[in-house]
All heavy atoms as atom14 arrays in JSON, in Angstrom:
{
  "sequence": "SAPKASPGEIVEHVTNFVPKLAGNQRLFQVAQELSRS",
  "atom14_mask": [
    [1, 1, 1, 1, 1, 1, 0, 0, 0, 0, 0, 0, 0, 0],
    [1, 1, 1, 1, 1, 0, 0, 0, 0, 0, 0, 0, 0, 0],
    [1, 1, 1, 1, 1, 1, 1, 0, 0, 0, 0, 0, 0, 0],
    [1, 1, 1, 1, 1, 1, 1, 1, 1, 0, 0, 0, 0, 0],
    [1, 1, 1, 1, 1, 0, 0, 0, 0, 0, 0, 0, 0, 0],
    [1, 1, 1, 1, 1, 1, 0, 0, 0, 0, 0, 0, 0, 0],
    [1, 1, 1, 1, 1, 1, 1, 0, 0, 0, 0, 0, 0, 0],
    [1, 1, 1, 1, 0, 0, 0, 0, 0, 0, 0, 0, 0, 0],
    [1, 1, 1, 1, 1, 1, 1, 1, 1, 0, 0, 0, 0, 0],
    [1, 1, 1, 1, 1, 1, 1, 1, 0, 0, 0, 0, 0, 0],
    [1, 1, 1, 1, 1, 1, 1, 0, 0, 0, 0, 0, 0, 0],
    [1, 1, 1, 1, 1, 1, 1, 1, 1, 0, 0, 0, 0, 0],
    [1, 1, 1, 1, 1, 1, 1, 1, 1, 1, 0, 0, 0, 0],
    [1, 1, 1, 1, 1, 1, 1, 0, 0, 0, 0, 0, 0, 0],
    [1, 1, 1, 1, 1, 1, 1, 0, 0, 0, 0, 0, 0, 0],
    [1, 1, 1, 1, 1, 1, 1, 1, 0, 0, 0, 0, 0, 0],
    [1, 1, 1, 1, 1, 1, 1, 1, 1, 1, 1, 0, 0, 0],
    [1, 1, 1, 1, 1, 1, 1, 0, 0, 0, 0, 0, 0, 0],
    [1, 1, 1, 1, 1, 1, 1, 0, 0, 0, 0, 0, 0, 0],
    [1, 1, 1, 1, 1, 1, 1, 1, 1, 0, 0, 0, 0, 0],
    [1, 1, 1, 1, 1, 1, 1, 1, 0, 0, 0, 0, 0, 0],
    [1, 1, 1, 1, 1, 0, 0, 0, 0, 0, 0, 0, 0, 0],
    [1, 1, 1, 1, 0, 0, 0, 0, 0, 0, 0, 0, 0, 0],
    [1, 1, 1, 1, 1, 1, 1, 1, 0, 0, 0, 0, 0, 0],
    [1, 1, 1, 1, 1, 1, 1, 1, 1, 0, 0, 0, 0, 0],
    [1, 1, 1, 1, 1, 1, 1, 1, 1, 1, 1, 0, 0, 0],
    [1, 1, 1, 1, 1, 1, 1, 1, 0, 0, 0, 0, 0, 0],
    [1, 1, 1, 1, 1, 1, 1, 1, 1, 1, 1, 0, 0, 0],
    [1, 1, 1, 1, 1, 1, 1, 1, 1, 0, 0, 0, 0, 0],
    [1, 1, 1, 1, 1, 1, 1, 0, 0, 0, 0, 0, 0, 0],
    [1, 1, 1, 1, 1, 0, 0, 0, 0, 0, 0, 0, 0, 0],
    [1, 1, 1, 1, 1, 1, 1, 1, 1, 0, 0, 0, 0, 0],
    [1, 1, 1, 1, 1, 1, 1, 1, 1, 0, 0, 0, 0, 0],
    [1, 1, 1, 1, 1, 1, 1, 1, 0, 0, 0, 0, 0, 0],
    [1, 1, 1, 1, 1, 1, 0, 0, 0, 0, 0, 0, 0, 0],
    [1, 1, 1, 1, 1, 1, 1, 1, 1, 1, 1, 0, 0, 0],
    [1, 1, 1, 1, 1, 1, 0, 0, 0, 0, 0, 0, 0, 0]
  ],
  "atom14_positions": [
    [[-5.59, 6.97, 21.67], [-4.72, 8.16, 21.35], [-5.37, 9.12, 20.39], [-4.88, 10.25, 20.26], [-3.39, 7.65, 20.74], [-3.63, 6.88, 19.56], [0.0, 0.0, 0.0], [0.0, 0.0, 0.0], [0.0, 0.0, 0.0], [0.0, 0.0, 0.0], [0.0, 0.0, 0.0], [0.0, 0.0, 0.0], [0.0, 0.0, 0.0], [0.0, 0.0, 0.0]],
    [[-6.43, 8.72, 19.68], [-7.1, 9.59, 18.74], [-8.62, 9.3, 18.82], [-9.18, 8.65, 17.98], [-6.6, 9.39, 17.33], [0.0, 0.0, 0.0], [0.0, 0.0, 0.0], [0.0, 0.0, 0.0], [0.0, 0.0, 0.0], [0.0, 0.0, 0.0], [0.0, 0.0, 0.0], [0.0, 0.0, 0.0], [0.0, 0.0, 0.0], [0.0, 0.0, 0.0]],
    [[-9.3, 9.82, 19.91], [-10.7, 9.46, 20.15], [-11.66, 9.76, 19.05], [-12.67, 9.14, 18.91], [-11.02, 10.28, 21.43], [-9.69, 10.54, 22.05], [-8.75, 10.69, 20.96], [0.0, 0.0, 0.0], [0.0, 0.0, 0.0], [0.0, 0.0, 0.0], [0.0, 0.0, 0.0], [0.0, 0.0, 0.0], [0.0, 0.0, 0.0], [0.0, 0.0, 0.0]],
    [[-11.41, 10.75, 18.18], [-12.33, 11.13, 17.14], [-11.87, 10.65, 15.76], [-12.3, 11.18, 14.7], [-12.46, 12.65, 17.13], [-13.0, 13.26, 18.43], [-14.37, 12.72, 18.77], [-14.9, 13.35, 20.09], [-16.21, 12.83, 20.43], [0.0, 0.0, 0.0], [0.0, 0.0, 0.0], [0.0, 0.0, 0.0], [0.0, 0.0, 0.0], [0.0, 0.0, 0.0]],
    [[-11.02, 9.64, 15.69], [-10.48, 9.18, 14.41], [-11.58, 8.54, 13.55], [-12.52, 7.94, 14.05], [-9.38, 8.15, 14.71], [0.0, 0.0, 0.0], [0.0, 0.0, 0.0], [0.0, 0.0, 0.0], [0.0, 0.0, 0.0], [0.0, 0.0, 0.0], [0.0, 0.0, 0.0], [0.0, 0.0, 0.0], [0.0, 0.0, 0.0], [0.0, 0.0, 0.0]],
    [[-11.42, 8.67, 12.29], [-12.29, 8.04, 11.29], [-11.94, 6.6, 11.14], [-10.84, 6.17, 11.55], [-12.21, 8.78, 9.94], [-10.89, 8.54, 9.35], [0.0, 0.0, 0.0], [0.0, 0.0, 0.0], [0.0, 0.0, 0.0], [0.0, 0.0, 0.0], [0.0, 0.0, 0.0], [0.0, 0.0, 0.0], [0.0, 0.0, 0.0], [0.0, 0.0, 0.0]],
    [[-12.8, 5.8, 10.51], [-12.43, 4.39, 10.27], [-11.11, 4.22, 9.55], [-10.31, 3.36, 9.9], [-13.62, 3.81, 9.48], [-14.75, 4.67, 9.86], [-14.19, 6.06, 10.09], [0.0, 0.0, 0.0], [0.0, 0.0, 0.0], [0.0, 0.0, 0.0], [0.0, 0.0, 0.0], [0.0, 0.0, 0.0], [0.0, 0.0, 0.0], [0.0, 0.0, 0.0]],
    [[-10.95, 5.04, 8.5], [-9.7, 4.93, 7.77], [-8.46, 5.29, 8.6], [-7.42, 4.63, 8.46], [0.0, 0.0, 0.0], [0.0, 0.0, 0.0], [0.0, 0.0, 0.0], [0.0, 0.0, 0.0], [0.0, 0.0, 0.0], [0.0, 0.0, 0.0], [0.0, 0.0, 0.0], [0.0, 0.0, 0.0], [0.0, 0.0, 0.0], [0.0, 0.0, 0.0]],
    [[-8.6, 6.32, 9.49], [-7.51, 6.68, 10.33], [-7.17, 5.57, 11.35], [-6.01, 5.39, 11.69], [-7.79, 8.01, 11.02], [-7.83, 9.18, 10.07], [-8.39, 10.45, 10.73], [-9.18, 10.31, 11.7], [-8.0, 11.53, 10.27], [0.0, 0.0, 0.0], [0.0, 0.0, 0.0], [0.0, 0.0, 0.0], [0.0, 0.0, 0.0], [0.0, 0.0, 0.0]],
    [[-8.23, 4.96, 11.87], [-7.97, 3.83, 12.83], [-7.27, 2.7, 12.16], [-6.27, 2.16, 12.67], [-9.35, 3.37, 13.42], [-9.97, 4.47, 14.27], [-9.14, 2.1, 14.26], [-11.4, 4.1, 14.74], [0.0, 0.0, 0.0], [0.0, 0.0, 0.0], [0.0, 0.0, 0.0], [0.0, 0.0, 0.0], [0.0, 0.0, 0.0], [0.0, 0.0, 0.0]],
    [[-7.74, 2.35, 10.97], [-7.1, 1.25, 10.22], [-5.65, 1.59, 9.89], [-4.73, 0.75, 10.05], [-7.86, 0.92, 8.97], [-7.11, -0.06, 8.07], [-9.23, 0.33, 9.32], [0.0, 0.0, 0.0], [0.0, 0.0, 0.0], [0.0, 0.0, 0.0], [0.0, 0.0, 0.0], [0.0, 0.0, 0.0], [0.0, 0.0, 0.0], [0.0, 0.0, 0.0]],
    [[-5.42, 2.82, 9.47], [-4.03, 3.22, 9.13], [-3.13, 3.2, 10.33], [-1.96, 2.72, 10.2], [-4.07, 4.65, 8.49], [-2.71, 5.17, 8.1], [-2.75, 6.57, 7.53], [-3.84, 7.22, 7.6], [-1.69, 7.02, 7.06], [0.0, 0.0, 0.0], [0.0, 0.0, 0.0], [0.0, 0.0, 0.0], [0.0, 0.0, 0.0], [0.0, 0.0, 0.0]],
    [[-3.61, 3.68, 11.47], [-2.79, 3.69, 12.65], [-2.4, 2.23, 13.06], [-1.28, 1.95, 13.41], [-3.55, 4.36, 13.77], [-2.74, 4.5, 15.04], [-3.29, 4.51, 16.3], [-1.36, 4.65, 15.23], [-2.3, 4.64, 17.19], [-1.19, 4.72, 16.62], [0.0, 0.0, 0.0], [0.0, 0.0, 0.0], [0.0, 0.0, 0.0], [0.0, 0.0, 0.0]],
    [[-3.4, 1.35, 13.03], [-3.16, -0.04, 13.44], [-2.18, -0.72, 12.5], [-1.21, -1.35, 12.9], [-4.45, -0.82, 13.53], [-4.17, -2.31, 13.77], [-5.3, -0.28, 14.66], [0.0, 0.0, 0.0], [0.0, 0.0, 0.0], [0.0, 0.0, 0.0], [0.0, 0.0, 0.0], [0.0, 0.0, 0.0], [0.0, 0.0, 0.0], [0.0, 0.0, 0.0]],
    [[-2.43, -0.57, 11.19], [-1.6, -1.25, 10.19], [-0.19, -0.64, 10.09], [0.74, -1.38, 9.65], [-2.27, -1.23, 8.79], [-2.63, 0.09, 8.44], [-3.5, -2.09, 8.83], [0.0, 0.0, 0.0], [0.0, 0.0, 0.0], [0.0, 0.0, 0.0], [0.0, 0.0, 0.0], [0.0, 0.0, 0.0], [0.0, 0.0, 0.0], [0.0, 0.0, 0.0]],
    [[-0.05, 0.6, 10.47], [1.31, 1.17, 10.49], [2.13, 0.47, 11.58], [3.33, 0.25, 11.41], [1.26, 2.64, 10.79], [0.92, 3.45, 9.53], [1.03, 2.94, 8.42], [0.49, 4.71, 9.76], [0.0, 0.0, 0.0], [0.0, 0.0, 0.0], [0.0, 0.0, 0.0], [0.0, 0.0, 0.0], [0.0, 0.0, 0.0], [0.0, 0.0, 0.0]],
    [[1.46, 0.08, 12.65], [2.18, -0.59, 13.76], [2.24, -2.11, 13.51], [3.22, -2.76, 13.86], [1.46, -0.29, 15.08], [2.16, -0.85, 16.26], [3.29, -0.16, 16.76], [1.77, -1.97, 16.9], [3.98, -0.65, 17.86], [2.42, -2.5, 18.01], [3.55, -1.84, 18.51], [0.0, 0.0, 0.0], [0.0, 0.0, 0.0], [0.0, 0.0, 0.0]],
    [[1.2, -2.67, 12.97], [1.11, -4.12, 12.68], [0.76, -4.34, 11.24], [-0.4, -4.5, 10.84], [0.08, -4.82, 13.59], [0.17, -6.33, 13.47], [0.23, -4.39, 15.06], [0.0, 0.0, 0.0], [0.0, 0.0, 0.0], [0.0, 0.0, 0.0], [0.0, 0.0, 0.0], [0.0, 0.0, 0.0], [0.0, 0.0, 0.0], [0.0, 0.0, 0.0]],
    [[1.78, -4.24, 10.34], [1.52, -4.34, 8.93], [0.77, -5.62, 8.5], [0.07, -5.62, 7.49], [2.94, -4.34, 8.29], [3.8, -3.62, 9.34], [3.24, -4.05, 10.67], [0.0, 0.0, 0.0], [0.0, 0.0, 0.0], [0.0, 0.0, 0.0], [0.0, 0.0, 0.0], [0.0, 0.0, 0.0], [0.0, 0.0, 0.0], [0.0, 0.0, 0.0]],
    [[0.92, -6.68, 9.26], [0.26, -7.93, 8.85], [-1.27, -7.81, 8.82], [-1.94, -8.68, 8.22], [0.64, -9.07, 9.83], [2.07, -9.61, 9.58], [2.4, -10.79, 10.49], [3.78, -11.36, 10.25], [3.83, -11.93, 8.87], [0.0, 0.0, 0.0], [0.0, 0.0, 0.0], [0.0, 0.0, 0.0], [0.0, 0.0, 0.0], [0.0, 0.0, 0.0]],
    [[-1.84, -6.78, 9.45], [-3.26, -6.63, 9.44], [-3.78, -5.79, 8.26], [-4.93, -5.48, 8.18], [-3.71, -6.03, 10.75], [-3.76, -6.93, 11.95], [-4.15, -6.19, 13.21], [-4.84, -8.03, 11.71], [0.0, 0.0, 0.0], [0.0, 0.0, 0.0], [0.0, 0.0, 0.0], [0.0, 0.0, 0.0], [0.0, 0.0, 0.0], [0.0, 0.0, 0.0]],
    [[-2.89, -5.36, 7.38], [-3.31, -4.62, 6.23], [-4.24, -5.42, 5.37], [-4.01, -6.6, 5.07], [-2.04, -4.26, 5.39], [0.0, 0.0, 0.0], [0.0, 0.0, 0.0], [0.0, 0.0, 0.0], [0.0, 0.0, 0.0], [0.0, 0.0, 0.0], [0.0, 0.0, 0.0], [0.0, 0.0, 0.0], [0.0, 0.0, 0.0], [0.0, 0.0, 0.0]],
    [[-5.41, -4.79, 5.09], [-6.4, -5.5, 4.29], [-7.3, -6.39, 5.11], [-8.18, -7.09, 4.54], [0.0, 0.0, 0.0], [0.0, 0.0, 0.0], [0.0, 0.0, 0.0], [0.0, 0.0, 0.0], [0.0, 0.0, 0.0], [0.0, 0.0, 0.0], [0.0, 0.0, 0.0], [0.0, 0.0, 0.0], [0.0, 0.0, 0.0], [0.0, 0.0, 0.0]],
    [[-7.14, -6.47, 6.45], [-7.98, -7.33, 7.27], [-9.37, -6.79, 7.36], [-9.59, -5.72, 7.82], [-7.32, -7.45, 8.64], [-8.05, -8.44, 9.54], [-9.06, -8.1, 10.11], [-7.5, -9.63, 9.65], [0.0, 0.0, 0.0], [0.0, 0.0, 0.0], [0.0, 0.0, 0.0], [0.0, 0.0, 0.0], [0.0, 0.0, 0.0], [0.0, 0.0, 0.0]],
    [[-10.33, -7.57, 6.87], [-11.73, -7.11, 6.84], [-12.28, -6.96, 8.24], [-13.09, -6.04, 8.51], [-12.55, -8.11, 6.01], [-14.03, -7.69, 5.79], [-14.1, -6.38, 5.0], [-13.21, -6.06, 4.16], [-15.14, -5.62, 5.19], [0.0, 0.0, 0.0], [0.0, 0.0, 0.0], [0.0, 0.0, 0.0], [0.0, 0.0, 0.0], [0.0, 0.0, 0.0]],
    [[-11.9, -7.8, 9.12], [-12.36, -7.71, 10.51], [-11.92, -6.37, 11.17], [-12.73, -5.75, 11.83], [-11.8, -8.92, 11.32], [-12.13, -8.9, 12.79], [-13.56, -9.18, 13.02], [-13.86, -9.55, 14.4], [-15.04, -9.53, 15.0], [-16.1, -9.15, 14.24], [-15.2, -9.83, 16.25], [0.0, 0.0, 0.0], [0.0, 0.0, 0.0], [0.0, 0.0, 0.0]],
    [[-10.73, -5.95, 10.94], [-10.25, -4.71, 11.48], [-11.02, -3.55, 10.92], [-11.43, -2.63, 11.68], [-8.74, -4.53, 11.09], [-8.15, -3.16, 11.49], [-8.2, -2.95, 12.99], [-6.68, -3.1, 11.03], [0.0, 0.0, 0.0], [0.0, 0.0, 0.0], [0.0, 0.0, 0.0], [0.0, 0.0, 0.0], [0.0, 0.0, 0.0], [0.0, 0.0, 0.0]],
    [[-11.38, -3.58, 9.61], [-12.19, -2.48, 9.03], [-13.54, -2.44, 9.66], [-14.1, -1.34, 9.97], [-12.26, -2.66, 7.53], [-13.0, -1.56, 6.85], [-12.45, -0.28, 6.74], [-14.26, -1.77, 6.31], [-13.12, 0.75, 6.11], [-15.0, -0.74, 5.68], [-14.38, 0.5, 5.55], [0.0, 0.0, 0.0], [0.0, 0.0, 0.0], [0.0, 0.0, 0.0]],
    [[-14.21, -3.58, 9.89], [-15.52, -3.63, 10.5], [-15.49, -3.03, 11.91], [-16.38, -2.27, 12.32], [-16.04, -5.05, 10.51], [-16.35, -5.62, 9.16], [-16.66, -7.1, 9.2], [-16.45, -7.77, 10.19], [-17.12, -7.65, 8.1], [0.0, 0.0, 0.0], [0.0, 0.0, 0.0], [0.0, 0.0, 0.0], [0.0, 0.0, 0.0], [0.0, 0.0, 0.0]],
    [[-14.46, -3.4, 12.68], [-14.3, -2.87, 14.04], [-14.11, -1.37, 14.02], [-14.71, -0.65, 14.8], [-13.1, -3.55, 14.76], [-12.79, -2.88, 16.07], [-13.36, -5.05, 14.96], [0.0, 0.0, 0.0], [0.0, 0.0, 0.0], [0.0, 0.0, 0.0], [0.0, 0.0, 0.0], [0.0, 0.0, 0.0], [0.0, 0.0, 0.0], [0.0, 0.0, 0.0]],
    [[-13.28, -0.9, 13.1], [-13.03, 0.57, 12.95], [-14.31, 1.33, 12.65], [-14.55, 2.41, 13.17], [-11.99, 0.79, 11.93], [0.0, 0.0, 0.0], [0.0, 0.0, 0.0], [0.0, 0.0, 0.0], [0.0, 0.0, 0.0], [0.0, 0.0, 0.0], [0.0, 0.0, 0.0], [0.0, 0.0, 0.0], [0.0, 0.0, 0.0], [0.0, 0.0, 0.0]],
    [[-15.16, 0.77, 11.81], [-16.42, 1.38, 11.51], [-17.31, 1.5, 12.7], [-17.92, 2.54, 12.95], [-17.16, 0.58, 10.37], [-16.55, 0.78, 9.0], [-17.38, 0.05, 7.94], [-17.68, -1.12, 8.1], [-17.78, 0.76, 6.89], [0.0, 0.0, 0.0], [0.0, 0.0, 0.0], [0.0, 0.0, 0.0], [0.0, 0.0, 0.0], [0.0, 0.0, 0.0]],
    [[-17.41, 0.43, 13.54], [-18.25, 0.47, 14.71], [-17.72, 1.47, 15.74], [-18.47, 2.23, 16.3], [-18.34, -0.92, 15.32], [-18.87, -0.99, 16.72], [-20.27, -0.4, 16.87], [-20.98, -0.32, 15.82], [-20.62, -0.04, 18.01], [0.0, 0.0, 0.0], [0.0, 0.0, 0.0], [0.0, 0.0, 0.0], [0.0, 0.0, 0.0], [0.0, 0.0, 0.0]],
    [[-16.42, 1.54, 15.92], [-15.84, 2.46, 16.88], [-16.01, 3.88, 16.45], [-16.3, 4.77, 17.29], [-14.34, 2.15, 17.1], [-14.03, 0.86, 17.79], [-12.54, 0.62, 17.88], [-14.64, 0.84, 19.2], [0.0, 0.0, 0.0], [0.0, 0.0, 0.0], [0.0, 0.0, 0.0], [0.0, 0.0, 0.0], [0.0, 0.0, 0.0], [0.0, 0.0, 0.0]],
    [[-15.93, 4.16, 15.14], [-16.14, 5.5, 14.66], [-17.63, 5.84, 14.79], [-17.93, 7.01, 15.11], [-15.7, 5.58, 13.15], [-15.94, 6.86, 12.64], [0.0, 0.0, 0.0], [0.0, 0.0, 0.0], [0.0, 0.0, 0.0], [0.0, 0.0, 0.0], [0.0, 0.0, 0.0], [0.0, 0.0, 0.0], [0.0, 0.0, 0.0], [0.0, 0.0, 0.0]],
    [[-18.52, 4.91, 14.54], [-19.92, 5.15, 14.69], [-20.28, 5.54, 16.12], [-21.09, 6.41, 16.41], [-20.75, 3.91, 14.29], [-22.26, 4.1, 14.34], [-22.94, 2.74, 14.45], [-22.62, 2.06, 15.68], [-23.14, 2.35, 16.88], [-23.99, 3.34, 16.98], [-22.76, 1.69, 17.94], [0.0, 0.0, 0.0], [0.0, 0.0, 0.0], [0.0, 0.0, 0.0]],
    [[-19.65, 4.83, 17.06], [-19.92, 5.1, 18.48], [-19.33, 6.47, 19.0], [-19.75, 6.93, 20.06], [-19.43, 3.98, 19.39], [-18.0, 3.96, 19.35], [0.0, 0.0, 0.0], [0.0, 0.0, 0.0], [0.0, 0.0, 0.0], [0.0, 0.0, 0.0], [0.0, 0.0, 0.0], [0.0, 0.0, 0.0], [0.0, 0.0, 0.0], [0.0, 0.0, 0.0]]
  ]
}
């Protein structure tokens, strides 16, 4: 839904929908790789 999102924006979008993933290190690493690509 947001192809050019930054890592922070990806994490925020996911955690807004699934709060249990707030602070999840794995999610942040994935967001960095997707933003890099």
